[in-house]
Amino acid sequence: MNRPTIADIAERAGVSKGAVSFALNGRPGVAEATRARILQVAKEMNWRPHSAARALGGARAEAVGLVIARPASTLGVEPFFAQLLSGLQAGLSARSVALHLLIVENAEAEMEVYREWASAHRVDGFVMVDLKVRDPRIEVLEELGVPAVVLGGPGGHGGLSSVWADDREAMLSVLEYLAALGHRRVAHVAGLPGFRHTRRRVRALRDSVLRLGLEDAVSVPTDFSDSEGAAATRTLLSRPRRPTAIVYDSDVMALAGLGVAGEMGVRVPDELSIVAFDDSVLTRIAHPAITALSRDTFVFGRRLAEVMLEVIDEPGLHRDVRTATPRLTVRESTAPPGDLAG
């Protein structure tokens, strides 16, 4: 069947095309009884607005786009993203705005989706995650001129709005806690090195060596997967002078590291302390339960949605929203190093 048009609706409803346009776009100039009849006919004919025509008319798509360039298998096991997406969708749903999610292979594919969706007016704006150092996606979104909010900062997001938490401050709180326990050999199983938040955490460790009197401090990059987290842990624990504490950039990797420690006969927390950068049910049900940086990721996602809607409502608005720094929740996976304990 051909796609029904405004002319088709007008003919069936016995009104002019102008009246149909007014009714479908919620504009005044048509009687309420006529509006109701037109809307009913449109529903019966399964009419949907054409994206190009809607764009020309300035109507909203009532949708926000989120394109993620990460392996779907990795995202599928990360509680952080599940909670973030839940909060984001909840915040958008409060205004009956949909979330269009697409997972792609790389940043080039992500930028092409931005261009396609913006051209077809598929979405009213974009949420961008995984902010990179010198991120080429920023320039593309600025050129497109569509409302956009970046998850990440501070800085590095050009003229776009952003919502962020201070990864450096959070990392410093972990290191200061471990140093207070007496740890002097600390390792960091990090995420992708090109990510801005990974870079800030790595620098926080490097900058703390002299201040906290650390004897050894190393960051090992990974892709956030449990397999690479486990491999990095095996390498670190195979060193002649292995670390007495390891900080993981995700709860999934921390859980994998806990398993590797058990496999190698390294007792947690007696011989190795473990800290996760993300807190979730995984860190709480592990044995021993894992010390972690905690925040309400659902609320974080909802705040992201609120800023996105504000930017859509007021084009040209620039928001730079710093959220609360995650707080350390101490559990059974951390203790003074073996030579200082008890």
C-alpha atoms as a PDB file:
ATOM      1  CA  MET A   1       0.000   0.000   0.000  1.00  0.00           C
ATOM      2  CA  ASN A   2       1.118   3.549  -0.704  1.00  0.00           C
ATOM      3  CA  ARG A   3       1.858   5.742   2.285  1.00  0.00           C
ATOM      4  CA  PRO A   4      -1.315   7.785   3.100  1.00  0.00           C
ATOM      5  CA  THR A   5      -0.931  11.529   2.583  1.00  0.00           C
ATOM      6  CA  ILE A   6      -2.606  14.621   3.988  1.00  0.00           C
ATOM      7  CA  ALA A   7      -4.610  14.778   0.761  1.00  0.00           C
ATOM      8  CA  ASP A   8      -5.902  11.238   1.369  1.00  0.00           C
ATOM      9  CA  ILE A   9      -6.991  12.141   4.900  1.00  0.00           C
ATOM     10  CA  ALA A  10      -8.660  15.357   3.655  1.00  0.00           C
ATOM     11  CA  GLU A  11     -10.637  13.449   1.017  1.00  0.00           C
ATOM     12  CA  ARG A  12     -11.886  10.811   3.463  1.00  0.00           C
ATOM     13  CA  ALA A  13     -12.703  13.347   6.190  1.00  0.00           C
ATOM     14  CA  GLY A  14     -14.379  15.728   3.728  1.00  0.00           C
ATOM     15  CA  VAL A  15     -12.223  18.728   4.671  1.00  0.00           C
ATOM     16  CA  SER A  16      -9.465  20.817   3.119  1.00  0.00           C
ATOM     17  CA  LYS A  17      -5.791  19.856   3.249  1.00  0.00           C
ATOM     18  CA  GLY A  18      -5.180  23.017   5.290  1.00  0.00           C
ATOM     19  CA  ALA A  19      -7.631  21.841   7.946  1.00  0.00           C
ATOM     20  CA  VAL A  20      -5.862  18.480   8.111  1.00  0.00           C
ATOM     21  CA  SER A  21      -2.500  20.206   8.515  1.00  0.00           C
ATOM     22  CA  PHE A  22      -3.843  22.367  11.342  1.00  0.00           C
ATOM     23  CA  ALA A  23      -5.356  19.349  13.107  1.00  0.00           C
ATOM     24  CA  LEU A  24      -2.333  17.072  12.806  1.00  0.00           C
ATOM     25  CA  ASN A  25       0.076  19.757  14.028  1.00  0.00           C
ATOM     26  CA  GLY A  26      -2.136  20.865  16.923  1.00  0.00           C
ATOM     27  CA  ARG A  27      -2.583  24.363  15.537  1.00  0.00           C
ATOM     28  CA  PRO A  28      -5.655  26.571  16.004  1.00  0.00           C
ATOM     29  CA  GLY A  29      -8.015  27.349  13.123  1.00  0.00           C
ATOM     30  CA  VAL A  30     -10.182  24.242  13.063  1.00  0.00           C
ATOM     31  CA  ALA A  31     -13.209  23.332  15.186  1.00  0.00           C
ATOM     32  CA  GLU A  32     -12.640  20.740  17.882  1.00  0.00           C
ATOM     33  CA  ALA A  33     -15.238  18.381  16.424  1.00  0.00           C
ATOM     34  CA  THR A  34     -13.533  18.601  13.037  1.00  0.00           C
ATOM     35  CA  ARG A  35     -10.111  18.126  14.621  1.00  0.00           C
ATOM     36  CA  ALA A  36     -11.343  14.992  16.376  1.00  0.00           C
ATOM     37  CA  ARG A  37     -12.748  13.596  13.121  1.00  0.00           C
ATOM     38  CA  ILE A  38      -9.510  14.283  11.255  1.00  0.00           C
ATOM     39  CA  LEU A  39      -7.386  12.641  13.946  1.00  0.00           C
ATOM     40  CA  GLN A  40      -9.667   9.600  13.947  1.00  0.00           C
ATOM     41  CA  VAL A  41      -9.398   9.256  10.164  1.00  0.00           C
ATOM     42  CA  ALA A  42      -5.603   9.615  10.376  1.00  0.00           C
ATOM     43  CA  LYS A  43      -5.506   6.862  12.986  1.00  0.00           C
ATOM     44  CA  GLU A  44      -7.701   4.558  10.874  1.00  0.00           C
ATOM     45  CA  MET A  45      -5.456   5.115   7.856  1.00  0.00           C
ATOM     46  CA  ASN A  46      -2.341   4.442   9.968  1.00  0.00           C
ATOM     47  CA  TRP A  47      -0.914   7.817   8.941  1.00  0.00           C
ATOM     48  CA  ARG A  48       2.555   8.728  10.216  1.00  0.00           C
ATOM     49  CA  PRO A  49       4.387  12.022   9.643  1.00  0.00           C
ATOM     50  CA  HIS A  50       7.046  11.922   6.947  1.00  0.00           C
ATOM     51  CA  SER A  51      10.414  12.757   8.501  1.00  0.00           C
ATOM     52  CA  ALA A  52      11.531  15.151   5.738  1.00  0.00           C
ATOM     53  CA  ALA A  53       8.227  17.018   5.733  1.00  0.00           C
ATOM     54  CA  ARG A  54       8.288  17.182   9.504  1.00  0.00           C
ATOM     55  CA  ALA A  55      11.780  18.650   9.414  1.00  0.00           C
ATOM     56  CA  LEU A  56      10.725  21.331   6.918  1.00  0.00           C
ATOM     57  CA  GLY A  57       7.756  22.178   9.104  1.00  0.00           C
ATOM     58  CA  GLY A  58       9.880  22.544  12.203  1.00  0.00           C
ATOM     59  CA  ALA A  59       7.974  19.833  14.092  1.00  0.00           C
ATOM     60  CA  ARG A  60       9.816  17.784  16.678  1.00  0.00           C
ATOM     61  CA  ALA A  61      10.670  14.125  16.304  1.00  0.00           C
ATOM     62  CA  GLU A  62      10.048  13.591  20.045  1.00  0.00           C
ATOM     63  CA  ALA A  63      13.135  11.391  20.204  1.00  0.00           C
ATOM     64  CA  VAL A  64      16.747  11.632  21.360  1.00  0.00           C
ATOM     65  CA  GLY A  65      19.593   9.691  19.741  1.00  0.00           C
ATOM     66  CA  LEU A  66      22.310   7.747  21.529  1.00  0.00           C
ATOM     67  CA  VAL A  67      24.946   6.051  19.368  1.00  0.00           C
ATOM     68  CA  ILE A  68      27.578   3.942  21.139  1.00  0.00           C
ATOM     69  CA  ALA A  69      30.791   2.733  19.494  1.00  0.00           C
ATOM     70  CA  ARG A  70      31.604  -0.207  21.735  1.00  0.00           C
ATOM     71  CA  PRO A  71      31.294  -3.978  21.331  1.00  0.00           C
ATOM     72  CA  ALA A  72      27.719  -5.006  22.124  1.00  0.00           C
ATOM     73  CA  SER A  73      29.037  -7.997  24.071  1.00  0.00           C
ATOM     74  CA  THR A  74      30.947  -5.688  26.422  1.00  0.00           C
ATOM     75  CA  LEU A  75      28.026  -3.311  26.948  1.00  0.00           C
ATOM     76  CA  GLY A  76      25.694  -6.203  27.650  1.00  0.00           C
ATOM     77  CA  VAL A  77      27.444  -7.117  30.891  1.00  0.00           C
ATOM     78  CA  GLU A  78      28.128  -3.622  32.261  1.00  0.00           C
ATOM     79  CA  PRO A  79      25.648  -2.696  35.020  1.00  0.00           C
ATOM     80  CA  PHE A  80      26.774   0.944  34.752  1.00  0.00           C
ATOM     81  CA  PHE A  81      25.368   1.295  31.240  1.00  0.00           C
ATOM     82  CA  ALA A  82      22.183  -0.565  32.124  1.00  0.00           C
ATOM     83  CA  GLN A  83      21.488   1.840  34.993  1.00  0.00           C
ATOM     84  CA  LEU A  84      22.530   4.888  32.954  1.00  0.00           C
ATOM     85  CA  LEU A  85      20.182   3.945  30.107  1.00  0.00           C
ATOM     86  CA  SER A  86      17.350   3.246  32.545  1.00  0.00           C
ATOM     87  CA  GLY A  87      17.705   6.679  34.128  1.00  0.00           C
ATOM     88  CA  LEU A  88      18.079   8.390  30.748  1.00  0.00           C
ATOM     89  CA  GLN A  89      14.954   6.750  29.346  1.00  0.00           C
ATOM     90  CA  ALA A  90      12.976   7.440  32.529  1.00  0.00           C
ATOM     91  CA  GLY A  91      13.856  11.130  32.326  1.00  0.00           C
ATOM     92  CA  LEU A  92      12.895  11.323  28.654  1.00  0.00           C
ATOM     93  CA  SER A  93       9.696   9.304  29.134  1.00  0.00           C
ATOM     94  CA  ALA A  94       8.433  11.895  31.594  1.00  0.00           C
ATOM     95  CA  ARG A  95       8.020  14.116  28.509  1.00  0.00           C
ATOM     96  CA  SER A  96       6.949  11.268  26.186  1.00  0.00           C
ATOM     97  CA  VAL A  97      10.280  11.478  24.376  1.00  0.00           C
ATOM     98  CA  ALA A  98      11.764   8.233  23.021  1.00  0.00           C
ATOM     99  CA  LEU A  99      15.388   7.121  23.121  1.00  0.00           C
ATOM    100  CA  HIS A 100      16.817   5.855  19.806  1.00  0.00           C
ATOM    101  CA  LEU A 101      19.786   3.614  20.660  1.00  0.00           C
ATOM    102  CA  LEU A 102      22.231   2.241  18.107  1.00  0.00           C
ATOM    103  CA  ILE A 103      25.474   0.344  18.695  1.00  0.00           C
ATOM    104  CA  VAL A 104      28.109   0.710  15.970  1.00  0.00           C
ATOM    105  CA  GLU A 105      31.630  -0.525  15.308  1.00  0.00           C
ATOM    106  CA  ASN A 106      33.687   2.655  15.562  1.00  0.00           C
ATOM    107  CA  ALA A 107      33.674   6.440  15.841  1.00  0.00           C
ATOM    108  CA  GLU A 108      33.526   6.891  12.061  1.00  0.00           C
ATOM    109  CA  ALA A 109      30.298   4.894  11.887  1.00  0.00           C
ATOM    110  CA  GLU A 110      28.954   6.840  14.869  1.00  0.00           C
ATOM    111  CA  MET A 111      29.574  10.189  13.141  1.00  0.00           C
ATOM    112  CA  GLU A 112      27.877   8.945   9.970  1.00  0.00           C
ATOM    113  CA  VAL A 113      24.784   8.054  11.990  1.00  0.00           C
ATOM    114  CA  TYR A 114      24.787  11.574  13.443  1.00  0.00           C
ATOM    115  CA  ARG A 115      24.728  12.989   9.919  1.00  0.00           C
ATOM    116  CA  GLU A 116      22.020  10.624   8.681  1.00  0.00           C
ATOM    117  CA  TRP A 117      19.691  11.059  11.651  1.00  0.00           C
ATOM    118  CA  ALA A 118      20.121  14.832  11.709  1.00  0.00           C
ATOM    119  CA  SER A 119      19.445  15.083   7.957  1.00  0.00           C
ATOM    120  CA  ALA A 120      16.292  12.961   8.208  1.00  0.00           C
ATOM    121  CA  HIS A 121      15.200  14.711  11.417  1.00  0.00           C
ATOM    122  CA  ARG A 122      14.984  11.329  13.126  1.00  0.00           C
ATOM    123  CA  VAL A 123      15.838  12.868  16.508  1.00  0.00           C
ATOM    124  CA  ASP A 124      15.685  16.254  18.212  1.00  0.00           C
ATOM    125  CA  GLY A 125      19.154  15.932  19.696  1.00  0.00           C
ATOM    126  CA  PHE A 126      21.991  13.588  20.637  1.00  0.00           C
ATOM    127  CA  VAL A 127      23.523  12.318  23.843  1.00  0.00           C
ATOM    128  CA  MET A 128      27.210  11.533  23.345  1.00  0.00           C
ATOM    129  CA  VAL A 129      29.095   9.172  25.663  1.00  0.00           C
ATOM    130  CA  ASP A 130      32.714   8.011  26.042  1.00  0.00           C
ATOM    131  CA  LEU A 131      34.270  11.446  25.555  1.00  0.00           C
ATOM    132  CA  LYS A 132      37.706  11.057  23.991  1.00  0.00           C
ATOM    133  CA  VAL A 133      40.828  13.183  24.084  1.00  0.00           C
ATOM    134  CA  ARG A 134      40.650  15.519  21.039  1.00  0.00           C
ATOM    135  CA  ASP A 135      37.330  13.947  20.120  1.00  0.00           C
ATOM    136  CA  PRO A 136      36.432  14.361  16.402  1.00  0.00           C
ATOM    137  CA  ARG A 137      32.728  13.773  17.145  1.00  0.00           C
ATOM    138  CA  ILE A 138      32.473  17.169  18.839  1.00  0.00           C
ATOM    139  CA  GLU A 139      33.211  19.056  15.616  1.00  0.00           C
ATOM    140  CA  VAL A 140      30.664  16.970  13.685  1.00  0.00           C
ATOM    141  CA  LEU A 141      27.880  17.674  16.170  1.00  0.00           C
ATOM    142  CA  GLU A 142      28.754  21.377  16.248  1.00  0.00           C
ATOM    143  CA  GLU A 143      28.661  21.558  12.441  1.00  0.00           C
ATOM    144  CA  LEU A 144      25.277  19.813  12.340  1.00  0.00           C
ATOM    145  CA  GLY A 145      23.908  22.429  14.716  1.00  0.00           C
ATOM    146  CA  VAL A 146      21.661  19.961  16.533  1.00  0.00           C
ATOM    147  CA  PRO A 147      21.134  20.071  20.315  1.00  0.00           C
ATOM    148  CA  ALA A 148      23.652  17.751  21.987  1.00  0.00           C
ATOM    149  CA  VAL A 149      24.804  16.882  25.494  1.00  0.00           C
ATOM    150  CA  VAL A 150      28.102  15.165  26.217  1.00  0.00           C
ATOM    151  CA  LEU A 151      28.500  12.750  29.099  1.00  0.00           C
ATOM    152  CA  GLY A 152      31.972  13.653  30.296  1.00  0.00           C
ATOM    153  CA  GLY A 153      34.296  16.476  31.192  1.00  0.00           C
ATOM    154  CA  PRO A 154      35.463  18.861  32.484  1.00  0.00           C
ATOM    155  CA  GLY A 155      36.221  20.526  29.176  1.00  0.00           C
ATOM    156  CA  GLY A 156      37.003  18.774  25.953  1.00  0.00           C
ATOM    157  CA  HIS A 157      33.440  19.098  24.666  1.00  0.00           C
ATOM    158  CA  GLY A 158      33.771  22.314  22.654  1.00  0.00           C
ATOM    159  CA  GLY A 159      30.643  24.445  22.706  1.00  0.00           C
ATOM    160  CA  LEU A 160      28.345  21.529  23.535  1.00  0.00           C
ATOM    161  CA  SER A 161      26.587  21.115  26.852  1.00  0.00           C
ATOM    162  CA  SER A 162      27.902  18.491  29.253  1.00  0.00           C
ATOM    163  CA  VAL A 163      27.069  16.480  32.343  1.00  0.00           C
ATOM    164  CA  TRP A 164      30.014  15.041  34.240  1.00  0.00           C
ATOM    165  CA  ALA A 165      31.506  13.816  37.484  1.00  0.00           C
ATOM    166  CA  ASP A 166      35.110  14.458  38.507  1.00  0.00           C
ATOM    167  CA  ASP A 167      36.998  11.210  37.786  1.00  0.00           C
ATOM    168  CA  ARG A 168      40.254  12.663  39.036  1.00  0.00           C
ATOM    169  CA  GLU A 169      38.814  13.618  42.409  1.00  0.00           C
ATOM    170  CA  ALA A 170      37.206  10.181  42.729  1.00  0.00           C
ATOM    171  CA  MET A 171      40.480   8.407  41.888  1.00  0.00           C
ATOM    172  CA  LEU A 172      42.382  10.532  44.380  1.00  0.00           C
ATOM    173  CA  SER A 173      39.950   9.549  47.143  1.00  0.00           C
ATOM    174  CA  VAL A 174      40.646   5.858  46.435  1.00  0.00           C
ATOM    175  CA  LEU A 175      44.412   6.341  46.419  1.00  0.00           C
ATOM    176  CA  GLU A 176      44.385   8.356  49.629  1.00  0.00           C
ATOM    177  CA  TYR A 177      42.339   5.629  51.327  1.00  0.00           C
ATOM    178  CA  LEU A 178      44.704   2.873  50.177  1.00  0.00           C
ATOM    179  CA  ALA A 179      47.760   4.895  51.216  1.00  0.00           C
ATOM    180  CA  ALA A 180      46.210   5.468  54.649  1.00  0.00           C
ATOM    181  CA  LEU A 181      45.878   1.681  54.985  1.00  0.00           C
ATOM    182  CA  GLY A 182      49.602   1.405  54.270  1.00  0.00           C
ATOM    183  CA  HIS A 183      49.624   0.354  50.605  1.00  0.00           C
ATOM    184  CA  ARG A 184      52.672   1.514  48.660  1.00  0.00           C
ATOM    185  CA  ARG A 185      52.444  -0.729  45.583  1.00  0.00           C
ATOM    186  CA  VAL A 186      49.226   0.161  43.759  1.00  0.00           C
ATOM    187  CA  ALA A 187      48.108  -0.907  40.285  1.00  0.00           C
ATOM    188  CA  HIS A 188      45.312   0.436  38.122  1.00  0.00           C
ATOM    189  CA  VAL A 189      43.495  -1.795  35.631  1.00  0.00           C
ATOM    190  CA  ALA A 190      42.253   1.000  33.381  1.00  0.00           C
ATOM    191  CA  GLY A 191      39.787   1.280  30.514  1.00  0.00           C
ATOM    192  CA  LEU A 192      40.463   2.422  26.966  1.00  0.00           C
ATOM    193  CA  PRO A 193      43.397   4.880  26.971  1.00  0.00           C
ATOM    194  CA  GLY A 194      41.752   7.237  24.458  1.00  0.00           C
ATOM    195  CA  PHE A 195      38.837   8.006  26.776  1.00  0.00           C
ATOM    196  CA  ARG A 196      39.073  11.295  28.614  1.00  0.00           C
ATOM    197  CA  HIS A 197      37.940   9.833  31.952  1.00  0.00           C
ATOM    198  CA  THR A 198      40.543   7.046  31.662  1.00  0.00           C
ATOM    199  CA  ARG A 199      43.262   9.629  31.053  1.00  0.00           C
ATOM    200  CA  ARG A 200      42.225  11.627  34.136  1.00  0.00           C
ATOM    201  CA  ARG A 201      42.328   8.538  36.352  1.00  0.00           C
ATOM    202  CA  VAL A 202      45.745   7.493  35.020  1.00  0.00           C
ATOM    203  CA  ARG A 203      47.139  10.974  35.647  1.00  0.00           C
ATOM    204  CA  ALA A 204      45.695  11.030  39.150  1.00  0.00           C
ATOM    205  CA  LEU A 205      47.674   7.877  39.976  1.00  0.00           C
ATOM    206  CA  ARG A 206      50.843   9.213  38.409  1.00  0.00           C
ATOM    207  CA  ASP A 207      50.531  12.547  40.213  1.00  0.00           C
ATOM    208  CA  SER A 208      50.030  10.804  43.576  1.00  0.00           C
ATOM    209  CA  VAL A 209      53.285   8.835  43.598  1.00  0.00           C
ATOM    210  CA  LEU A 210      55.419  11.403  45.404  1.00  0.00           C
ATOM    211  CA  ARG A 211      52.638  12.954  47.476  1.00  0.00           C
ATOM    212  CA  LEU A 212      51.514   9.603  48.920  1.00  0.00           C
ATOM    213  CA  GLY A 213      54.943   7.973  48.993  1.00  0.00           C
ATOM    214  CA  LEU A 214      54.055   5.158  46.599  1.00  0.00           C
ATOM    215  CA  GLU A 215      56.894   2.786  45.714  1.00  0.00           C
ATOM    216  CA  ASP A 216      55.243   1.460  42.571  1.00  0.00           C
ATOM    217  CA  ALA A 217      52.246   2.697  40.595  1.00  0.00           C
ATOM    218  CA  VAL A 218      51.250   1.349  37.190  1.00  0.00           C
ATOM    219  CA  SER A 219      48.183   1.634  34.954  1.00  0.00           C
ATOM    220  CA  VAL A 220      47.334  -1.156  32.512  1.00  0.00           C
ATOM    221  CA  PRO A 221      44.904  -0.260  29.659  1.00  0.00           C
ATOM    222  CA  THR A 222      42.075  -2.654  28.711  1.00  0.00           C
ATOM    223  CA  ASP A 223      38.854  -2.636  26.710  1.00  0.00           C
ATOM    224  CA  PHE A 224      36.741  -2.852  29.918  1.00  0.00           C
ATOM    225  CA  SER A 225      35.975  -6.537  29.269  1.00  0.00           C
ATOM    226  CA  ASP A 226      36.163  -9.223  31.934  1.00  0.00           C
ATOM    227  CA  SER A 227      38.679 -11.185  29.810  1.00  0.00           C
ATOM    228  CA  GLU A 228      41.138  -8.282  29.512  1.00  0.00           C
ATOM    229  CA  GLY A 229      40.594  -7.386  33.164  1.00  0.00           C
ATOM    230  CA  ALA A 230      41.471 -10.961  34.121  1.00  0.00           C
ATOM    231  CA  ALA A 231      44.526 -11.002  31.829  1.00  0.00           C
ATOM    232  CA  ALA A 232      45.828  -7.725  33.263  1.00  0.00           C
ATOM    233  CA  THR A 233      45.381  -9.073  36.790  1.00  0.00           C
ATOM    234  CA  ARG A 234      47.354 -12.253  36.002  1.00  0.00           C
ATOM    235  CA  THR A 235      50.194 -10.174  34.609  1.00  0.00           C
ATOM    236  CA  LEU A 236      50.269  -7.888  37.656  1.00  0.00           C
ATOM    237  CA  LEU A 237      50.124 -10.733  40.172  1.00  0.00           C
ATOM    238  CA  SER A 238      52.914 -12.588  38.359  1.00  0.00           C
ATOM    239  CA  ARG A 239      55.400  -9.801  39.041  1.00  0.00           C
ATOM    240  CA  PRO A 240      58.247 -10.490  41.502  1.00  0.00           C
ATOM    241  CA  ARG A 241      56.984  -7.555  43.580  1.00  0.00           C
ATOM    242  CA  ARG A 242      53.306  -7.703  42.892  1.00  0.00           C
ATOM    243  CA  PRO A 243      50.937  -4.881  43.871  1.00  0.00           C
ATOM    244  CA  THR A 244      49.262  -5.025  47.249  1.00  0.00           C
ATOM    245  CA  ALA A 245      46.215  -3.156  45.902  1.00  0.00           C
ATOM    246  CA  ILE A 246      44.526  -2.965  42.498  1.00  0.00           C
ATOM    247  CA  VAL A 247      41.958  -0.371  41.406  1.00  0.00           C
ATOM    248  CA  TYR A 248      39.679  -1.471  38.540  1.00  0.00           C
ATOM    249  CA  ASP A 249      37.892   0.930  36.195  1.00  0.00           C
ATOM    250  CA  SER A 250      34.712  -1.189  36.222  1.00  0.00           C
ATOM    251  CA  ASP A 251      32.922  -3.579  38.544  1.00  0.00           C
ATOM    252  CA  VAL A 252      32.971  -6.346  35.893  1.00  0.00           C
ATOM    253  CA  MET A 253      36.767  -6.200  35.721  1.00  0.00           C
ATOM    254  CA  ALA A 254      37.029  -6.071  39.509  1.00  0.00           C
ATOM    255  CA  LEU A 255      34.976  -9.253  39.761  1.00  0.00           C
ATOM    256  CA  ALA A 256      37.183 -10.903  37.132  1.00  0.00           C
ATOM    257  CA  GLY A 257      40.267  -9.789  39.071  1.00  0.00           C
ATOM    258  CA  LEU A 258      38.859 -11.251  42.278  1.00  0.00           C
ATOM    259  CA  GLY A 259      38.436 -14.573  40.481  1.00  0.00           C
ATOM    260  CA  VAL A 260      42.021 -14.506  39.164  1.00  0.00           C
ATOM    261  CA  ALA A 261      43.376 -13.777  42.660  1.00  0.00           C
ATOM    262  CA  GLY A 262      41.573 -16.871  43.941  1.00  0.00           C
ATOM    263  CA  GLU A 263      42.877 -18.906  41.015  1.00  0.00           C
ATOM    264  CA  MET A 264      46.477 -17.845  41.812  1.00  0.00           C
ATOM    265  CA  GLY A 265      46.143 -18.397  45.554  1.00  0.00           C
ATOM    266  CA  VAL A 266      46.373 -14.690  46.425  1.00  0.00           C
ATOM    267  CA  ARG A 267      44.085 -14.019  49.375  1.00  0.00           C
ATOM    268  CA  VAL A 268      41.777 -10.993  49.299  1.00  0.00           C
ATOM    269  CA  PRO A 269      42.095  -8.787  51.325  1.00  0.00           C
ATOM    270  CA  ASP A 270      44.978 -10.354  53.321  1.00  0.00           C
ATOM    271  CA  GLU A 271      47.460 -10.252  50.435  1.00  0.00           C
ATOM    272  CA  LEU A 272      45.633  -8.067  47.919  1.00  0.00           C
ATOM    273  CA  SER A 273      43.115  -5.246  48.272  1.00  0.00           C
ATOM    274  CA  ILE A 274      40.639  -4.689  45.434  1.00  0.00           C
ATOM    275  CA  VAL A 275      38.633  -1.528  44.636  1.00  0.00           C
ATOM    276  CA  ALA A 276      36.087  -1.065  41.823  1.00  0.00           C
ATOM    277  CA  PHE A 277      35.468   2.304  40.194  1.00  0.00           C
ATOM    278  CA  ASP A 278      31.806   1.435  39.578  1.00  0.00           C
ATOM    279  CA  ASP A 279      29.457   0.125  42.236  1.00  0.00           C
ATOM    280  CA  SER A 280      26.624  -2.282  41.416  1.00  0.00           C
ATOM    281  CA  VAL A 281      24.962  -5.422  42.674  1.00  0.00           C
ATOM    282  CA  LEU A 282      28.025  -7.329  41.383  1.00  0.00           C
ATOM    283  CA  THR A 283      30.304  -5.700  43.953  1.00  0.00           C
ATOM    284  CA  ARG A 284      27.830  -6.350  46.771  1.00  0.00           C
ATOM    285  CA  ILE A 285      27.180 -10.050  46.108  1.00  0.00           C
ATOM    286  CA  ALA A 286      30.841 -10.968  45.537  1.00  0.00           C
ATOM    287  CA  HIS A 287      32.749 -12.775  48.275  1.00  0.00           C
ATOM    288  CA  PRO A 288      34.370 -10.873  49.762  1.00  0.00           C
ATOM    289  CA  ALA A 289      32.167  -7.888  48.912  1.00  0.00           C
ATOM    290  CA  ILE A 290      34.151  -5.340  46.917  1.00  0.00           C
ATOM    291  CA  THR A 291      35.002  -1.824  48.073  1.00  0.00           C
ATOM    292  CA  ALA A 292      33.740   0.569  45.391  1.00  0.00           C
ATOM    293  CA  LEU A 293      33.058   4.148  44.382  1.00  0.00           C
ATOM    294  CA  SER A 294      29.303   4.551  44.721  1.00  0.00           C
ATOM    295  CA  ARG A 295      26.819   6.857  43.070  1.00  0.00           C
ATOM    296  CA  ASP A 296      23.219   6.561  41.961  1.00  0.00           C
ATOM    297  CA  THR A 297      23.787   5.893  38.261  1.00  0.00           C
ATOM    298  CA  PHE A 298      20.047   5.866  37.580  1.00  0.00           C
ATOM    299  CA  VAL A 299      19.767   9.429  38.936  1.00  0.00           C
ATOM    300  CA  PHE A 300      22.878  10.350  36.921  1.00  0.00           C
ATOM    301  CA  GLY A 301      21.123   9.171  33.743  1.00  0.00           C
ATOM    302  CA  ARG A 302      17.947  11.019  34.630  1.00  0.00           C
ATOM    303  CA  ARG A 303      19.922  14.243  35.157  1.00  0.00           C
ATOM    304  CA  LEU A 304      21.452  13.731  31.725  1.00  0.00           C
ATOM    305  CA  ALA A 305      17.922  13.492  30.266  1.00  0.00           C
ATOM    306  CA  GLU A 306      16.835  16.673  32.041  1.00  0.00           C
ATOM    307  CA  VAL A 307      19.736  18.658  30.589  1.00  0.00           C
ATOM    308  CA  MET A 308      19.070  17.171  27.141  1.00  0.00           C
ATOM    309  CA  LEU A 309      15.438  18.313  27.265  1.00  0.00           C
ATOM    310  CA  GLU A 310      16.474  21.782  28.438  1.00  0.00           C
ATOM    311  CA  VAL A 311      18.850  22.142  25.491  1.00  0.00           C
ATOM    312  CA  ILE A 312      16.159  20.963  23.053  1.00  0.00           C
ATOM    313  CA  ASP A 313      13.637  23.430  24.505  1.00  0.00           C
ATOM    314  CA  GLU A 314      16.065  26.341  24.283  1.00  0.00           C
ATOM    315  CA  PRO A 315      18.388  26.053  21.261  1.00  0.00           C
ATOM    316  CA  GLY A 316      21.697  27.761  21.916  1.00  0.00           C
ATOM    317  CA  LEU A 317      21.561  27.079  25.649  1.00  0.00           C
ATOM    318  CA  HIS A 318      24.901  25.906  27.043  1.00  0.00           C
ATOM    319  CA  ARG A 319      24.918  23.831  30.231  1.00  0.00           C
ATOM    320  CA  ASP A 320      27.991  22.533  32.064  1.00  0.00           C
ATOM    321  CA  VAL A 321      26.624  20.413  34.891  1.00  0.00           C
ATOM    322  CA  ARG A 322      28.974  18.873  37.423  1.00  0.00           C
ATOM    323  CA  THR A 323      27.307  16.092  39.404  1.00  0.00           C
ATOM    324  CA  ALA A 324      28.349  14.744  42.794  1.00  0.00           C
ATOM    325  CA  THR A 325      31.697  12.943  42.908  1.00  0.00           C
ATOM    326  CA  PRO A 326      31.243   9.200  43.599  1.00  0.00           C
ATOM    327  CA  ARG A 327      31.889   8.339  47.261  1.00  0.00           C
ATOM    328  CA  LEU A 328      33.961   5.422  48.485  1.00  0.00           C
ATOM    329  CA  THR A 329      31.953   2.599  50.058  1.00  0.00           C
ATOM    330  CA  VAL A 330      34.306   0.393  52.070  1.00  0.00           C
ATOM    331  CA  ARG A 331      33.580  -3.337  52.087  1.00  0.00           C
ATOM    332  CA  GLU A 332      35.502  -6.537  52.829  1.00  0.00           C
ATOM    333  CA  SER A 333      37.890  -6.489  49.839  1.00  0.00           C
ATOM    334  CA  THR A 334      40.251  -3.902  51.316  1.00  0.00           C
ATOM    335  CA  ALA A 335      42.554  -4.044  54.360  1.00  0.00           C
ATOM    336  CA  PRO A 336      46.085  -3.037  55.336  1.00  0.00           C
ATOM    337  CA  PRO A 337      48.743  -4.929  53.316  1.00  0.00           C
ATOM    338  CA  GLY A 338      49.796  -8.282  54.751  1.00  0.00           C
ATOM    339  CA  ASP A 339      52.960  -7.062  56.441  1.00  0.00           C
ATOM    340  CA  LEU A 340      51.008  -4.356  58.299  1.00  0.00           C
ATOM    341  CA  ALA A 341      47.760  -6.201  59.053  1.00  0.00           C
ATOM    342  CA  GLY A 342      46.816  -7.312  62.542  1.00  0.00           C
END
